[in-house]
Amino acid sequence: MELFLQVLLVIFSIGLITVVLLQKGKSAGLSGAISGGAEHLFGKSKARGMDLVLQRVTVALAAGFFILAIAVAVVS
């Protein structure tokens, strides 16, 4: 069971890295980081198409990664 969970964790981590690298950057520089975070926080971000799909897949893979990491820690 532990080996299965570890293999699944590796698959999730590779998938998460791939999906994050496929996303395009929001803004550059410090001002972009501040305003980009504020726009994302207050819902002004209008992701459509592939950006929206990548964003949702990233959230799902991240949640699965954390759950699997906790499960592997508990099992071992």
PDB file of N, CA and C in Angstrom:
ATOM      1  N   MET A   1       0.819  -1.191   0.000  1.00  0.00           N
ATOM      2  CA  MET A   1       0.000   0.000   0.000  1.00  0.00           C
ATOM      3  C   MET A   1       0.872   1.268   0.000  1.00  0.00           C
ATOM      4  N   GLU A   2       1.943   1.231   0.794  1.00  0.00           N
ATOM      5  CA  GLU A   2       2.826   2.390   0.863  1.00  0.00           C
ATOM      6  C   GLU A   2       3.497   2.661  -0.483  1.00  0.00           C
ATOM      7  N   LEU A   3       3.920   1.611  -1.153  1.00  0.00           N
ATOM      8  CA  LEU A   3       4.561   1.769  -2.465  1.00  0.00           C
ATOM      9  C   LEU A   3       3.589   2.351  -3.485  1.00  0.00           C
ATOM     10  N   PHE A   4       2.346   1.887  -3.456  1.00  0.00           N
ATOM     11  CA  PHE A   4       1.324   2.409  -4.367  1.00  0.00           C
ATOM     12  C   PHE A   4       1.095   3.901  -4.135  1.00  0.00           C
ATOM     13  N   LEU A   5       1.000   4.298  -2.863  1.00  0.00           N
ATOM     14  CA  LEU A   5       0.798   5.716  -2.551  1.00  0.00           C
ATOM     15  C   LEU A   5       2.001   6.567  -2.956  1.00  0.00           C
ATOM     16  N   GLN A   6       3.204   6.027  -2.795  1.00  0.00           N
ATOM     17  CA  GLN A   6       4.398   6.774  -3.186  1.00  0.00           C
ATOM     18  C   GLN A   6       4.467   6.955  -4.701  1.00  0.00           C
ATOM     19  N   VAL A   7       4.123   5.913  -5.448  1.00  0.00           N
ATOM     20  CA  VAL A   7       4.108   6.027  -6.910  1.00  0.00           C
ATOM     21  C   VAL A   7       3.060   7.044  -7.349  1.00  0.00           C
ATOM     22  N   LEU A   8       1.894   6.999  -6.706  1.00  0.00           N
ATOM     23  CA  LEU A   8       0.845   7.955  -7.021  1.00  0.00           C
ATOM     24  C   LEU A   8       1.273   9.389  -6.678  1.00  0.00           C
ATOM     25  N   LEU A   9       2.000   9.539  -5.592  1.00  0.00           N
ATOM     26  CA  LEU A   9       2.515  10.854  -5.192  1.00  0.00           C
ATOM     27  C   LEU A   9       3.511  11.390  -6.218  1.00  0.00           C
ATOM     28  N   VAL A  10       4.380  10.530  -6.733  1.00  0.00           N
ATOM     29  CA  VAL A  10       5.333  10.946  -7.768  1.00  0.00           C
ATOM     30  C   VAL A  10       4.598  11.356  -9.043  1.00  0.00           C
ATOM     31  N   ILE A  11       3.567  10.614  -9.412  1.00  0.00           N
ATOM     32  CA  ILE A  11       2.789  10.955 -10.609  1.00  0.00           C
ATOM     33  C   ILE A  11       2.108  12.309 -10.430  1.00  0.00           C
ATOM     34  N   PHE A  12       1.514  12.525  -9.254  1.00  0.00           N
ATOM     35  CA  PHE A  12       0.866  13.812  -8.990  1.00  0.00           C
ATOM     36  C   PHE A  12       1.871  14.954  -9.003  1.00  0.00           C
ATOM     37  N   SER A  13       3.053  14.734  -8.440  1.00  0.00           N
ATOM     38  CA  SER A  13       4.042  15.813  -8.401  1.00  0.00           C
ATOM     39  C   SER A  13       4.549  16.163  -9.796  1.00  0.00           C
ATOM     40  N   ILE A  14       4.781  15.164 -10.624  1.00  0.00           N
ATOM     41  CA  ILE A  14       5.208  15.429 -12.007  1.00  0.00           C
ATOM     42  C   ILE A  14       4.109  16.150 -12.776  1.00  0.00           C
ATOM     43  N   GLY A  15       2.879  15.728 -12.575  1.00  0.00           N
ATOM     44  CA  GLY A  15       1.749  16.397 -13.224  1.00  0.00           C
ATOM     45  C   GLY A  15       1.603  17.836 -12.777  1.00  0.00           C
ATOM     46  N   LEU A  16       1.778  18.076 -11.484  1.00  0.00           N
ATOM     47  CA  LEU A  16       1.665  19.429 -10.953  1.00  0.00           C
ATOM     48  C   LEU A  16       2.765  20.333 -11.496  1.00  0.00           C
ATOM     49  N   ILE A  17       3.975  19.828 -11.549  1.00  0.00           N
ATOM     50  CA  ILE A  17       5.085  20.606 -12.114  1.00  0.00           C
ATOM     51  C   ILE A  17       4.820  20.934 -13.579  1.00  0.00           C
ATOM     52  N   THR A  18       4.335  19.964 -14.330  1.00  0.00           N
ATOM     53  CA  THR A  18       4.061  20.165 -15.755  1.00  0.00           C
ATOM     54  C   THR A  18       2.980  21.217 -15.969  1.00  0.00           C
ATOM     55  N   VAL A  19       1.894  21.122 -15.211  1.00  0.00           N
ATOM     56  CA  VAL A  19       0.791  22.065 -15.385  1.00  0.00           C
ATOM     57  C   VAL A  19       1.208  23.481 -14.991  1.00  0.00           C
ATOM     58  N   VAL A  20       1.991  23.610 -13.937  1.00  0.00           N
ATOM     59  CA  VAL A  20       2.447  24.945 -13.516  1.00  0.00           C
ATOM     60  C   VAL A  20       3.368  25.549 -14.577  1.00  0.00           C
ATOM     61  N   LEU A  21       4.232  24.728 -15.159  1.00  0.00           N
ATOM     62  CA  LEU A  21       5.133  25.250 -16.190  1.00  0.00           C
ATOM     63  C   LEU A  21       4.401  25.598 -17.485  1.00  0.00           C
ATOM     64  N   LEU A  22       3.256  24.999 -17.743  1.00  0.00           N
ATOM     65  CA  LEU A  22       2.484  25.312 -18.939  1.00  0.00           C
ATOM     66  C   LEU A  22       1.745  26.644 -18.831  1.00  0.00           C
ATOM     67  N   GLN A  23       1.528  27.125 -17.612  1.00  0.00           N
ATOM     68  CA  GLN A  23       0.802  28.376 -17.436  1.00  0.00           C
ATOM     69  C   GLN A  23       1.690  29.556 -17.801  1.00  0.00           C
ATOM     70  N   LYS A  24       1.051  30.596 -18.326  1.00  0.00           N
ATOM     71  CA  LYS A  24       1.819  31.785 -18.665  1.00  0.00           C
ATOM     72  C   LYS A  24       1.864  32.720 -17.472  1.00  0.00           C
ATOM     73  N   GLY A  25       2.904  33.540 -17.426  1.00  0.00           N
ATOM     74  CA  GLY A  25       3.085  34.467 -16.322  1.00  0.00           C
ATOM     75  C   GLY A  25       2.033  35.557 -16.339  1.00  0.00           C
ATOM     76  N   LYS A  26       1.650  36.020 -15.168  1.00  0.00           N
ATOM     77  CA  LYS A  26       0.619  37.063 -15.073  1.00  0.00           C
ATOM     78  C   LYS A  26       1.218  38.438 -15.329  1.00  0.00           C
ATOM     79  N   SER A  27       2.239  38.801 -14.585  1.00  0.00           N
ATOM     80  CA  SER A  27       2.880  40.108 -14.731  1.00  0.00           C
ATOM     81  C   SER A  27       4.340  39.976 -14.342  1.00  0.00           C
ATOM     82  N   ALA A  28       5.125  40.972 -14.697  1.00  0.00           N
ATOM     83  CA  ALA A  28       6.548  40.947 -14.351  1.00  0.00           C
ATOM     84  C   ALA A  28       6.860  42.065 -13.382  1.00  0.00           C
ATOM     85  N   GLY A  29       7.843  41.839 -12.546  1.00  0.00           N
ATOM     86  CA  GLY A  29       8.290  42.868 -11.634  1.00  0.00           C
ATOM     87  C   GLY A  29       7.498  42.917 -10.343  1.00  0.00           C
ATOM     88  N   LEU A  30       7.944  43.784  -9.439  1.00  0.00           N
ATOM     89  CA  LEU A  30       7.314  43.904  -8.127  1.00  0.00           C
ATOM     90  C   LEU A  30       5.921  44.514  -8.233  1.00  0.00           C
ATOM     91  N   SER A  31       5.749  45.522  -9.060  1.00  0.00           N
ATOM     92  CA  SER A  31       4.427  46.148  -9.189  1.00  0.00           C
ATOM     93  C   SER A  31       3.422  45.179  -9.790  1.00  0.00           C
ATOM     94  N   GLY A  32       3.881  44.329 -10.692  1.00  0.00           N
ATOM     95  CA  GLY A  32       2.992  43.326 -11.252  1.00  0.00           C
ATOM     96  C   GLY A  32       2.600  42.277 -10.237  1.00  0.00           C
ATOM     97  N   ALA A  33       3.515  41.953  -9.358  1.00  0.00           N
ATOM     98  CA  ALA A  33       3.212  40.967  -8.318  1.00  0.00           C
ATOM     99  C   ALA A  33       2.178  41.506  -7.348  1.00  0.00           C
ATOM    100  N   ILE A  34       2.295  42.791  -7.013  1.00  0.00           N
ATOM    101  CA  ILE A  34       1.352  43.387  -6.064  1.00  0.00           C
ATOM    102  C   ILE A  34      -0.017  43.552  -6.715  1.00  0.00           C
ATOM    103  N   SER A  35      -0.066  44.154  -7.887  1.00  0.00           N
ATOM    104  CA  SER A  35      -1.360  44.370  -8.531  1.00  0.00           C
ATOM    105  C   SER A  35      -1.961  43.069  -9.027  1.00  0.00           C
ATOM    106  N   GLY A  36      -1.132  42.143  -9.475  1.00  0.00           N
ATOM    107  CA  GLY A  36      -1.651  40.855  -9.927  1.00  0.00           C
ATOM    108  C   GLY A  36      -2.277  40.068  -8.804  1.00  0.00           C
ATOM    109  N   GLY A  37      -1.667  40.133  -7.622  1.00  0.00           N
ATOM    110  CA  GLY A  37      -2.236  39.456  -6.462  1.00  0.00           C
ATOM    111  C   GLY A  37      -3.550  40.083  -6.039  1.00  0.00           C
ATOM    112  N   ALA A  38      -3.626  41.405  -6.114  1.00  0.00           N
ATOM    113  CA  ALA A  38      -4.862  42.094  -5.737  1.00  0.00           C
ATOM    114  C   ALA A  38      -5.975  41.780  -6.727  1.00  0.00           C
ATOM    115  N   GLU A  39      -5.646  41.734  -8.004  1.00  0.00           N
ATOM    116  CA  GLU A  39      -6.670  41.413  -8.994  1.00  0.00           C
ATOM    117  C   GLU A  39      -7.167  39.987  -8.826  1.00  0.00           C
ATOM    118  N   HIS A  40      -6.267  39.088  -8.526  1.00  0.00           N
ATOM    119  CA  HIS A  40      -6.674  37.700  -8.338  1.00  0.00           C
ATOM    120  C   HIS A  40      -7.497  37.542  -7.061  1.00  0.00           C
ATOM    121  N   LEU A  41      -7.142  38.296  -6.017  1.00  0.00           N
ATOM    122  CA  LEU A  41      -7.830  38.205  -4.740  1.00  0.00           C
ATOM    123  C   LEU A  41      -9.256  38.717  -4.839  1.00  0.00           C
ATOM    124  N   PHE A  42      -9.459  39.799  -5.546  1.00  0.00           N
ATOM    125  CA  PHE A  42     -10.776  40.409  -5.626  1.00  0.00           C
ATOM    126  C   PHE A  42     -11.572  39.965  -6.847  1.00  0.00           C
ATOM    127  N   GLY A  43     -11.096  38.995  -7.581  1.00  0.00           N
ATOM    128  CA  GLY A  43     -11.880  38.392  -8.641  1.00  0.00           C
ATOM    129  C   GLY A  43     -11.885  39.134  -9.958  1.00  0.00           C
ATOM    130  N   LYS A  44     -10.930  40.009 -10.200  1.00  0.00           N
ATOM    131  CA  LYS A  44     -10.899  40.722 -11.471  1.00  0.00           C
ATOM    132  C   LYS A  44     -10.200  39.920 -12.556  1.00  0.00           C
ATOM    133  N   SER A  45      -9.673  38.771 -12.201  1.00  0.00           N
ATOM    134  CA  SER A  45      -8.994  37.926 -13.176  1.00  0.00           C
ATOM    135  C   SER A  45     -10.030  37.221 -14.035  1.00  0.00           C
ATOM    136  N   LYS A  46      -9.916  37.374 -15.337  1.00  0.00           N
ATOM    137  CA  LYS A  46     -10.885  36.764 -16.242  1.00  0.00           C
ATOM    138  C   LYS A  46     -10.187  35.718 -17.086  1.00  0.00           C
ATOM    139  N   ALA A  47      -9.950  34.578 -16.470  1.00  0.00           N
ATOM    140  CA  ALA A  47      -9.299  33.486 -17.187  1.00  0.00           C
ATOM    141  C   ALA A  47     -10.324  32.802 -18.069  1.00  0.00           C
ATOM    142  N   ARG A  48      -9.946  32.545 -19.316  1.00  0.00           N
ATOM    143  CA  ARG A  48     -10.838  31.876 -20.252  1.00  0.00           C
ATOM    144  C   ARG A  48     -10.060  30.814 -20.995  1.00  0.00           C
ATOM    145  N   GLY A  49     -10.787  29.830 -21.453  1.00  0.00           N
ATOM    146  CA  GLY A  49     -10.188  28.815 -22.301  1.00  0.00           C
ATOM    147  C   GLY A  49      -9.159  27.975 -21.591  1.00  0.00           C
ATOM    148  N   MET A  50      -7.994  27.889 -22.198  1.00  0.00           N
ATOM    149  CA  MET A  50      -6.935  27.022 -21.690  1.00  0.00           C
ATOM    150  C   MET A  50      -6.404  27.502 -20.342  1.00  0.00           C
ATOM    151  N   ASP A  51      -6.374  28.814 -20.115  1.00  0.00           N
ATOM    152  CA  ASP A  51      -5.909  29.330 -18.827  1.00  0.00           C
ATOM    153  C   ASP A  51      -6.811  28.862 -17.692  1.00  0.00           C
ATOM    154  N   LEU A  52      -8.109  28.871 -17.920  1.00  0.00           N
ATOM    155  CA  LEU A  52      -9.055  28.425 -16.907  1.00  0.00           C
ATOM    156  C   LEU A  52      -8.910  26.934 -16.640  1.00  0.00           C
ATOM    157  N   VAL A  53      -8.725  26.148 -17.691  1.00  0.00           N
ATOM    158  CA  VAL A  53      -8.551  24.705 -17.536  1.00  0.00           C
ATOM    159  C   VAL A  53      -7.271  24.415 -16.760  1.00  0.00           C
ATOM    160  N   LEU A  54      -6.178  25.079 -17.114  1.00  0.00           N
ATOM    161  CA  LEU A  54      -4.919  24.868 -16.407  1.00  0.00           C
ATOM    162  C   LEU A  54      -5.013  25.293 -14.950  1.00  0.00           C
ATOM    163  N   GLN A  55      -5.746  26.361 -14.677  1.00  0.00           N
ATOM    164  CA  GLN A  55      -5.911  26.824 -13.306  1.00  0.00           C
ATOM    165  C   GLN A  55      -6.678  25.789 -12.483  1.00  0.00           C
ATOM    166  N   ARG A  56      -7.737  25.241 -13.032  1.00  0.00           N
ATOM    167  CA  ARG A  56      -8.530  24.246 -12.302  1.00  0.00           C
ATOM    168  C   ARG A  56      -7.772  22.936 -12.130  1.00  0.00           C
ATOM    169  N   VAL A  57      -7.018  22.530 -13.148  1.00  0.00           N
ATOM    170  CA  VAL A  57      -6.221  21.307 -13.038  1.00  0.00           C
ATOM    171  C   VAL A  57      -5.125  21.488 -11.994  1.00  0.00           C
ATOM    172  N   THR A  58      -4.545  22.692 -11.921  1.00  0.00           N
ATOM    173  CA  THR A  58      -3.520  22.966 -10.921  1.00  0.00           C
ATOM    174  C   THR A  58      -4.093  22.840  -9.512  1.00  0.00           C
ATOM    175  N   VAL A  59      -5.274  23.384  -9.297  1.00  0.00           N
ATOM    176  CA  VAL A  59      -5.900  23.302  -7.976  1.00  0.00           C
ATOM    177  C   VAL A  59      -6.196  21.849  -7.615  1.00  0.00           C
ATOM    178  N   ALA A  60      -6.712  21.084  -8.566  1.00  0.00           N
ATOM    179  CA  ALA A  60      -7.031  19.681  -8.297  1.00  0.00           C
ATOM    180  C   ALA A  60      -5.770  18.863  -8.015  1.00  0.00           C
ATOM    181  N   LEU A  61      -4.733  19.068  -8.814  1.00  0.00           N
ATOM    182  CA  LEU A  61      -3.489  18.326  -8.595  1.00  0.00           C
ATOM    183  C   LEU A  61      -2.817  18.727  -7.283  1.00  0.00           C
ATOM    184  N   ALA A  62      -2.881  19.999  -6.936  1.00  0.00           N
ATOM    185  CA  ALA A  62      -2.281  20.445  -5.672  1.00  0.00           C
ATOM    186  C   ALA A  62      -3.017  19.838  -4.483  1.00  0.00           C
ATOM    187  N   ALA A  63      -4.336  19.810  -4.541  1.00  0.00           N
ATOM    188  CA  ALA A  63      -5.109  19.209  -3.455  1.00  0.00           C
ATOM    189  C   ALA A  63      -4.802  17.720  -3.346  1.00  0.00           C
ATOM    190  N   GLY A  64      -4.754  17.044  -4.481  1.00  0.00           N
ATOM    191  CA  GLY A  64      -4.415  15.619  -4.475  1.00  0.00           C
ATOM    192  C   GLY A  64      -3.014  15.368  -3.965  1.00  0.00           C
ATOM    193  N   PHE A  65      -2.089  16.230  -4.317  1.00  0.00           N
ATOM    194  CA  PHE A  65      -0.706  16.089  -3.852  1.00  0.00           C
ATOM    195  C   PHE A  65      -0.623  16.197  -2.334  1.00  0.00           C
ATOM    196  N   PHE A  66      -1.295  17.204  -1.773  1.00  0.00           N
ATOM    197  CA  PHE A  66      -1.253  17.377  -0.325  1.00  0.00           C
ATOM    198  C   PHE A  66      -1.929  16.220   0.407  1.00  0.00           C
ATOM    199  N   ILE A  67      -3.042  15.752  -0.105  1.00  0.00           N
ATOM    200  CA  ILE A  67      -3.732  14.625   0.523  1.00  0.00           C
ATOM    201  C   ILE A  67      -2.864  13.373   0.458  1.00  0.00           C
ATOM    202  N   LEU A  68      -2.249  13.132  -0.693  1.00  0.00           N
ATOM    203  CA  LEU A  68      -1.378  11.962  -0.822  1.00  0.00           C
ATOM    204  C   LEU A  68      -0.133  12.077   0.048  1.00  0.00           C
ATOM    205  N   ALA A  69       0.422  13.278   0.165  1.00  0.00           N
ATOM    206  CA  ALA A  69       1.609  13.456   1.016  1.00  0.00           C
ATOM    207  C   ALA A  69       1.267  13.164   2.479  1.00  0.00           C
ATOM    208  N   ILE A  70       0.101  13.609   2.925  1.00  0.00           N
ATOM    209  CA  ILE A  70      -0.321  13.310   4.287  1.00  0.00           C
ATOM    210  C   ILE A  70      -0.583  11.816   4.449  1.00  0.00           C
ATOM    211  N   ALA A  71      -1.196  11.189   3.445  1.00  0.00           N
ATOM    212  CA  ALA A  71      -1.482   9.753   3.511  1.00  0.00           C
ATOM    213  C   ALA A  71      -0.189   8.937   3.558  1.00  0.00           C
ATOM    214  N   VAL A  72       0.793   9.322   2.776  1.00  0.00           N
ATOM    215  CA  VAL A  72       2.081   8.596   2.797  1.00  0.00           C
ATOM    216  C   VAL A  72       2.764   8.768   4.149  1.00  0.00           C
ATOM    217  N   ALA A  73       2.671   9.959   4.733  1.00  0.00           N
ATOM    218  CA  ALA A  73       3.274  10.196   6.045  1.00  0.00           C
ATOM    219  C   ALA A  73       2.576   9.371   7.129  1.00  0.00           C
ATOM    220  N   VAL A  74       1.281   9.229   7.028  1.00  0.00           N
ATOM    221  CA  VAL A  74       0.536   8.466   8.021  1.00  0.00           C
ATOM    222  C   VAL A  74       0.806   6.980   7.880  1.00  0.00           C
ATOM    223  N   VAL A  75       0.852   6.486   6.651  1.00  0.00           N
ATOM    224  CA  VAL A  75       1.054   5.063   6.402  1.00  0.00           C
ATOM    225  C   VAL A  75       2.458   4.619   6.792  1.00  0.00           C
ATOM    226  N   SER A  76       3.455   5.470   6.543  1.00  0.00           N
ATOM    227  CA  SER A  76       4.840   5.057   6.849  1.00  0.00           C
ATOM    228  C   SER A  76       5.265   5.448   8.212  1.00  0.00           C
TER     229      SER A  76
END
